[in-house]
Amino acid sequence: MSSAKDFLELIQKSRKGKFKIYIGMSAGVGKTFRMLQEAHSLLRNGIDVKIGYIETHGREETVALVEGIPEVGRKSVFYKGKNLEEMDLQAIINEHPEVVLVDELAHTNVEGSKNKKDGRMYWKF
């Protein structure tokens, strides 16, 4: 896939699950930014896109791109004396959007979670 247009065509043609993974060699190279740009393009084309988990790292341009994209609520998990927010996979499954944005490939879920890792990719259900 080389563009949002290509991904849109794939979504429209297929109802099977597909992944689109953004890979960069270091933090700040634009993976999340590009994923959000493409999400806006998909939204404009009538695709049901939701944010499952995005980490903006406080970057103003990235924060601005989150605006306008519906989010699936995160779940709160109490761990080692702190409330942490995690992606709520069950809520995503229940909402059943066509495309889900999931950020932070290196993220390790709280100990005891059903899934040990999340990943940076579109999840299409």
N, C-alpha and C. Protein backbone atom coordinates (compact mmCIF):
# COMPACT_ATOMS: atom_id res chain seq x y z
N MET A 1 0.85 -1.18 0.00
CA MET A 1 0.00 0.00 0.00
C MET A 1 0.89 1.23 0.00
N SER A 2 0.62 2.13 -0.88
CA SER A 2 1.44 3.32 -0.92
C SER A 2 0.70 4.58 -0.50
N SER A 3 -0.61 4.52 -0.37
CA SER A 3 -1.33 5.74 -0.02
C SER A 3 -2.65 5.41 0.65
N ALA A 4 -3.27 6.46 1.20
CA ALA A 4 -4.59 6.29 1.80
C ALA A 4 -5.59 5.84 0.75
N LYS A 5 -5.43 6.31 -0.48
CA LYS A 5 -6.34 5.92 -1.57
C LYS A 5 -6.26 4.41 -1.80
N ASP A 6 -5.06 3.87 -1.81
CA ASP A 6 -4.89 2.43 -1.99
C ASP A 6 -5.55 1.65 -0.85
N PHE A 7 -5.37 2.14 0.37
CA PHE A 7 -5.96 1.47 1.52
C PHE A 7 -7.47 1.56 1.49
N LEU A 8 -7.99 2.71 1.08
CA LEU A 8 -9.44 2.89 0.93
C LEU A 8 -10.00 1.87 -0.06
N GLU A 9 -9.35 1.72 -1.19
CA GLU A 9 -9.80 0.74 -2.19
C GLU A 9 -9.78 -0.67 -1.63
N LEU A 10 -8.75 -0.99 -0.86
CA LEU A 10 -8.66 -2.31 -0.25
C LEU A 10 -9.82 -2.54 0.71
N ILE A 11 -10.13 -1.54 1.53
CA ILE A 11 -11.23 -1.65 2.48
C ILE A 11 -12.55 -1.85 1.75
N GLN A 12 -12.76 -1.08 0.69
CA GLN A 12 -14.02 -1.16 -0.03
C GLN A 12 -14.19 -2.50 -0.75
N LYS A 13 -13.10 -3.12 -1.16
CA LYS A 13 -13.16 -4.38 -1.90
C LYS A 13 -13.28 -5.60 -0.98
N SER A 14 -12.76 -5.49 0.23
CA SER A 14 -12.63 -6.67 1.08
C SER A 14 -13.29 -6.47 2.43
N ARG A 15 -13.85 -7.50 2.95
CA ARG A 15 -14.40 -7.48 4.29
C ARG A 15 -13.58 -8.38 5.21
N LYS A 16 -12.44 -8.86 4.73
CA LYS A 16 -11.54 -9.65 5.55
C LYS A 16 -10.59 -8.71 6.27
N GLY A 17 -10.04 -9.15 7.40
CA GLY A 17 -9.11 -8.34 8.16
C GLY A 17 -7.84 -8.03 7.39
N LYS A 18 -7.37 -6.80 7.51
CA LYS A 18 -6.13 -6.36 6.88
C LYS A 18 -5.34 -5.53 7.88
N PHE A 19 -4.03 -5.56 7.78
CA PHE A 19 -3.15 -4.75 8.61
C PHE A 19 -2.38 -3.79 7.73
N LYS A 20 -2.18 -2.60 8.23
CA LYS A 20 -1.26 -1.67 7.60
C LYS A 20 -0.34 -1.21 8.71
N ILE A 21 0.93 -1.48 8.57
CA ILE A 21 1.90 -1.20 9.62
C ILE A 21 2.81 -0.06 9.16
N TYR A 22 3.02 0.90 10.07
CA TYR A 22 3.93 2.01 9.81
C TYR A 22 5.21 1.75 10.58
N ILE A 23 6.33 1.72 9.87
CA ILE A 23 7.61 1.42 10.50
C ILE A 23 8.55 2.59 10.26
N GLY A 24 9.23 3.00 11.30
CA GLY A 24 10.25 4.05 11.20
C GLY A 24 11.41 3.67 12.08
N MET A 25 12.58 4.21 11.77
CA MET A 25 13.78 3.78 12.49
C MET A 25 13.96 4.44 13.85
N SER A 26 13.18 5.49 14.15
CA SER A 26 13.31 6.12 15.46
C SER A 26 12.07 6.94 15.78
N ALA A 27 11.97 7.35 17.04
CA ALA A 27 10.85 8.18 17.47
C ALA A 27 10.90 9.53 16.75
N GLY A 28 9.71 10.02 16.42
CA GLY A 28 9.62 11.35 15.84
C GLY A 28 9.78 11.42 14.33
N VAL A 29 9.83 10.27 13.65
CA VAL A 29 10.01 10.30 12.19
C VAL A 29 8.70 10.45 11.43
N GLY A 30 7.55 10.39 12.13
CA GLY A 30 6.29 10.67 11.47
C GLY A 30 5.33 9.51 11.29
N LYS A 31 5.56 8.40 11.97
CA LYS A 31 4.67 7.24 11.82
C LYS A 31 3.24 7.58 12.25
N THR A 32 3.09 8.08 13.45
CA THR A 32 1.76 8.41 13.97
C THR A 32 1.14 9.53 13.16
N PHE A 33 1.93 10.53 12.83
CA PHE A 33 1.45 11.67 12.03
C PHE A 33 0.87 11.19 10.71
N ARG A 34 1.59 10.33 10.01
CA ARG A 34 1.12 9.82 8.71
C ARG A 34 -0.13 8.95 8.87
N MET A 35 -0.16 8.13 9.91
CA MET A 35 -1.32 7.28 10.16
C MET A 35 -2.56 8.14 10.38
N LEU A 36 -2.42 9.23 11.14
CA LEU A 36 -3.54 10.12 11.40
C LEU A 36 -3.97 10.87 10.14
N GLN A 37 -3.02 11.29 9.32
CA GLN A 37 -3.36 11.93 8.04
C GLN A 37 -4.21 11.00 7.18
N GLU A 38 -3.78 9.76 7.08
CA GLU A 38 -4.53 8.79 6.28
C GLU A 38 -5.90 8.50 6.89
N ALA A 39 -5.98 8.51 8.21
CA ALA A 39 -7.27 8.29 8.87
C ALA A 39 -8.27 9.39 8.48
N HIS A 40 -7.82 10.61 8.42
CA HIS A 40 -8.70 11.72 8.01
C HIS A 40 -9.18 11.52 6.57
N SER A 41 -8.30 11.05 5.72
CA SER A 41 -8.69 10.77 4.33
C SER A 41 -9.75 9.67 4.28
N LEU A 42 -9.57 8.63 5.07
CA LEU A 42 -10.55 7.54 5.11
C LEU A 42 -11.89 8.04 5.64
N LEU A 43 -11.86 8.86 6.69
CA LEU A 43 -13.10 9.43 7.23
C LEU A 43 -13.85 10.24 6.18
N ARG A 44 -13.11 11.05 5.43
CA ARG A 44 -13.74 11.86 4.37
C ARG A 44 -14.39 10.99 3.30
N ASN A 45 -13.93 9.75 3.19
CA ASN A 45 -14.47 8.83 2.20
C ASN A 45 -15.50 7.87 2.80
N GLY A 46 -16.00 8.20 3.98
CA GLY A 46 -17.09 7.43 4.56
C GLY A 46 -16.71 6.16 5.30
N ILE A 47 -15.44 5.97 5.57
CA ILE A 47 -15.00 4.78 6.30
C ILE A 47 -15.11 5.05 7.79
N ASP A 48 -15.62 4.08 8.55
CA ASP A 48 -15.77 4.19 9.99
C ASP A 48 -14.41 3.95 10.65
N VAL A 49 -13.71 5.03 10.96
CA VAL A 49 -12.38 4.98 11.56
C VAL A 49 -12.48 5.43 13.01
N LYS A 50 -11.81 4.69 13.89
CA LYS A 50 -11.77 5.07 15.30
C LYS A 50 -10.34 4.93 15.82
N ILE A 51 -10.02 5.75 16.78
CA ILE A 51 -8.73 5.63 17.46
C ILE A 51 -8.89 4.62 18.59
N GLY A 52 -8.07 3.58 18.55
CA GLY A 52 -8.02 2.62 19.64
C GLY A 52 -7.02 3.05 20.70
N TYR A 53 -5.85 3.52 20.25
CA TYR A 53 -4.82 4.02 21.15
C TYR A 53 -3.84 4.85 20.35
N ILE A 54 -3.68 6.09 20.75
CA ILE A 54 -2.70 6.97 20.10
C ILE A 54 -1.89 7.64 21.19
N GLU A 55 -0.60 7.73 20.99
CA GLU A 55 0.30 8.45 21.89
C GLU A 55 0.90 9.61 21.09
N THR A 56 0.50 10.82 21.44
CA THR A 56 0.96 12.01 20.69
C THR A 56 2.31 12.53 21.15
N HIS A 57 2.75 12.09 22.32
CA HIS A 57 4.00 12.58 22.92
C HIS A 57 4.00 14.10 23.03
N GLY A 58 2.79 14.67 23.10
CA GLY A 58 2.67 16.12 23.27
C GLY A 58 3.02 16.94 22.04
N ARG A 59 3.27 16.30 20.92
CA ARG A 59 3.62 17.04 19.70
C ARG A 59 2.38 17.75 19.16
N GLU A 60 2.45 19.08 19.08
CA GLU A 60 1.30 19.90 18.71
C GLU A 60 0.66 19.47 17.39
N GLU A 61 1.48 19.19 16.40
CA GLU A 61 0.96 18.81 15.08
C GLU A 61 0.20 17.48 15.16
N THR A 62 0.70 16.56 15.97
CA THR A 62 0.05 15.26 16.13
C THR A 62 -1.24 15.41 16.92
N VAL A 63 -1.20 16.20 17.98
CA VAL A 63 -2.40 16.46 18.78
C VAL A 63 -3.50 17.05 17.89
N ALA A 64 -3.14 17.98 17.01
CA ALA A 64 -4.10 18.61 16.11
C ALA A 64 -4.73 17.58 15.17
N LEU A 65 -3.96 16.61 14.72
CA LEU A 65 -4.49 15.59 13.81
C LEU A 65 -5.44 14.61 14.49
N VAL A 66 -5.33 14.46 15.80
CA VAL A 66 -6.24 13.58 16.53
C VAL A 66 -7.66 14.15 16.51
N GLU A 67 -7.77 15.48 16.51
CA GLU A 67 -9.07 16.13 16.52
C GLU A 67 -9.89 15.70 15.30
N GLY A 68 -11.13 15.36 15.57
CA GLY A 68 -12.04 14.97 14.50
C GLY A 68 -12.10 13.48 14.23
N ILE A 69 -11.19 12.72 14.85
CA ILE A 69 -11.23 11.26 14.70
C ILE A 69 -11.85 10.69 15.97
N PRO A 70 -12.97 9.98 15.86
CA PRO A 70 -13.61 9.41 17.06
C PRO A 70 -12.67 8.43 17.75
N GLU A 71 -12.75 8.41 19.08
CA GLU A 71 -11.90 7.51 19.86
C GLU A 71 -12.74 6.50 20.62
N VAL A 72 -12.23 5.28 20.70
CA VAL A 72 -12.81 4.27 21.58
C VAL A 72 -12.17 4.53 22.95
N GLY A 73 -12.99 4.62 23.98
CA GLY A 73 -12.47 4.91 25.31
C GLY A 73 -11.43 3.91 25.77
N ARG A 74 -10.47 4.40 26.52
CA ARG A 74 -9.45 3.53 27.11
C ARG A 74 -9.99 2.96 28.41
N LYS A 75 -9.39 1.87 28.85
CA LYS A 75 -9.77 1.32 30.14
C LYS A 75 -8.71 1.71 31.17
N SER A 76 -9.15 1.87 32.39
CA SER A 76 -8.26 2.23 33.48
C SER A 76 -7.87 0.96 34.22
N VAL A 77 -6.58 0.80 34.46
CA VAL A 77 -6.06 -0.38 35.14
C VAL A 77 -5.21 0.10 36.32
N PHE A 78 -5.47 -0.43 37.50
CA PHE A 78 -4.69 -0.09 38.68
C PHE A 78 -3.51 -1.03 38.75
N TYR A 79 -2.29 -0.47 38.77
CA TYR A 79 -1.08 -1.30 38.76
C TYR A 79 0.01 -0.60 39.55
N LYS A 80 0.56 -1.30 40.52
CA LYS A 80 1.65 -0.79 41.36
C LYS A 80 1.34 0.59 41.92
N GLY A 81 0.12 0.75 42.46
CA GLY A 81 -0.25 1.99 43.11
C GLY A 81 -0.64 3.12 42.19
N LYS A 82 -0.77 2.85 40.89
CA LYS A 82 -1.12 3.90 39.93
C LYS A 82 -2.28 3.45 39.05
N ASN A 83 -3.11 4.40 38.64
CA ASN A 83 -4.11 4.14 37.61
C ASN A 83 -3.47 4.41 36.26
N LEU A 84 -3.45 3.41 35.41
CA LEU A 84 -2.89 3.53 34.07
C LEU A 84 -4.00 3.36 33.04
N GLU A 85 -3.84 4.00 31.89
CA GLU A 85 -4.81 3.84 30.81
C GLU A 85 -4.25 2.87 29.79
N GLU A 86 -5.08 1.93 29.40
CA GLU A 86 -4.71 0.94 28.39
C GLU A 86 -5.75 0.93 27.28
N MET A 87 -5.35 0.46 26.13
CA MET A 87 -6.30 0.27 25.04
C MET A 87 -7.35 -0.74 25.49
N ASP A 88 -8.60 -0.46 25.19
CA ASP A 88 -9.69 -1.36 25.57
C ASP A 88 -10.07 -2.21 24.36
N LEU A 89 -9.39 -3.33 24.21
CA LEU A 89 -9.61 -4.20 23.05
C LEU A 89 -11.06 -4.67 22.97
N GLN A 90 -11.64 -5.04 24.11
CA GLN A 90 -13.02 -5.52 24.08
C GLN A 90 -13.98 -4.44 23.61
N ALA A 91 -13.76 -3.19 24.03
CA ALA A 91 -14.61 -2.08 23.57
C ALA A 91 -14.47 -1.89 22.06
N ILE A 92 -13.26 -2.06 21.54
CA ILE A 92 -13.04 -1.94 20.09
C ILE A 92 -13.82 -3.04 19.37
N ILE A 93 -13.72 -4.25 19.87
CA ILE A 93 -14.44 -5.37 19.26
C ILE A 93 -15.94 -5.12 19.31
N ASN A 94 -16.42 -4.61 20.44
CA ASN A 94 -17.85 -4.34 20.60
C ASN A 94 -18.34 -3.24 19.64
N GLU A 95 -17.53 -2.20 19.46
CA GLU A 95 -17.92 -1.10 18.57
C GLU A 95 -17.80 -1.48 17.10
N HIS A 96 -16.90 -2.39 16.79
CA HIS A 96 -16.75 -2.95 15.45
C HIS A 96 -16.55 -1.91 14.34
N PRO A 97 -15.63 -0.95 14.53
CA PRO A 97 -15.36 0.00 13.44
C PRO A 97 -14.67 -0.71 12.28
N GLU A 98 -14.71 -0.10 11.11
CA GLU A 98 -14.03 -0.69 9.95
C GLU A 98 -12.52 -0.62 10.10
N VAL A 99 -12.03 0.49 10.65
CA VAL A 99 -10.59 0.70 10.81
C VAL A 99 -10.33 1.23 12.21
N VAL A 100 -9.34 0.65 12.88
CA VAL A 100 -8.92 1.10 14.20
C VAL A 100 -7.45 1.49 14.14
N LEU A 101 -7.14 2.66 14.66
CA LEU A 101 -5.76 3.12 14.73
C LEU A 101 -5.17 2.70 16.07
N VAL A 102 -4.05 1.99 16.03
CA VAL A 102 -3.39 1.54 17.25
C VAL A 102 -1.93 1.96 17.15
N ASP A 103 -1.50 2.71 18.13
CA ASP A 103 -0.16 3.29 18.16
C ASP A 103 0.68 2.59 19.24
N GLU A 104 1.97 2.76 19.17
CA GLU A 104 2.92 2.29 20.18
C GLU A 104 3.22 0.80 20.10
N LEU A 105 3.93 0.42 19.09
CA LEU A 105 4.32 -0.97 18.88
C LEU A 105 5.11 -1.52 20.07
N ALA A 106 5.94 -0.69 20.67
CA ALA A 106 6.80 -1.14 21.77
C ALA A 106 6.07 -1.19 23.11
N HIS A 107 4.81 -0.82 23.14
CA HIS A 107 4.06 -0.77 24.40
C HIS A 107 3.85 -2.17 24.95
N THR A 108 4.17 -2.33 26.22
CA THR A 108 3.88 -3.58 26.93
C THR A 108 2.70 -3.32 27.84
N ASN A 109 1.66 -4.13 27.71
CA ASN A 109 0.48 -3.98 28.56
C ASN A 109 0.80 -4.32 30.00
N VAL A 110 -0.05 -3.84 30.89
CA VAL A 110 0.11 -4.09 32.32
C VAL A 110 0.16 -5.59 32.58
N GLU A 111 1.02 -5.98 33.51
CA GLU A 111 1.16 -7.39 33.88
C GLU A 111 -0.20 -7.98 34.24
N GLY A 112 -0.47 -9.16 33.71
CA GLY A 112 -1.75 -9.81 33.95
C GLY A 112 -2.78 -9.56 32.87
N SER A 113 -2.47 -8.66 31.92
CA SER A 113 -3.39 -8.40 30.81
C SER A 113 -3.51 -9.62 29.93
N LYS A 114 -4.64 -9.75 29.28
CA LYS A 114 -4.86 -10.88 28.37
C LYS A 114 -3.82 -10.88 27.25
N ASN A 115 -3.53 -9.69 26.70
CA ASN A 115 -2.56 -9.56 25.61
C ASN A 115 -1.33 -8.81 26.12
N LYS A 116 -0.14 -9.33 25.85
CA LYS A 116 1.07 -8.72 26.37
C LYS A 116 1.48 -7.47 25.59
N LYS A 117 1.21 -7.42 24.30
CA LYS A 117 1.65 -6.30 23.47
C LYS A 117 0.50 -5.74 22.66
N ASP A 118 0.57 -4.43 22.37
CA ASP A 118 -0.26 -3.79 21.37
C ASP A 118 0.64 -3.58 20.17
N GLY A 119 0.12 -3.02 19.09
CA GLY A 119 0.99 -2.75 17.96
C GLY A 119 0.53 -1.55 17.17
N ARG A 120 1.46 -0.90 16.50
CA ARG A 120 1.16 0.25 15.67
C ARG A 120 0.67 -0.28 14.32
N MET A 121 -0.63 -0.13 14.08
CA MET A 121 -1.18 -0.63 12.83
C MET A 121 -2.64 -0.23 12.75
N TYR A 122 -3.19 -0.35 11.57
CA TYR A 122 -4.64 -0.29 11.44
C TYR A 122 -5.15 -1.68 11.79
N TRP A 123 -6.21 -1.77 12.54
CA TRP A 123 -6.91 -3.04 12.73
C TRP A 123 -8.21 -2.92 12.01
N LYS A 124 -8.44 -3.75 11.02
CA LYS A 124 -9.71 -3.73 10.29
C LYS A 124 -10.49 -4.95 10.70
N PHE A 125 -11.72 -4.75 11.17
CA PHE A 125 -12.55 -5.86 11.61
C PHE A 125 -13.62 -6.13 10.60
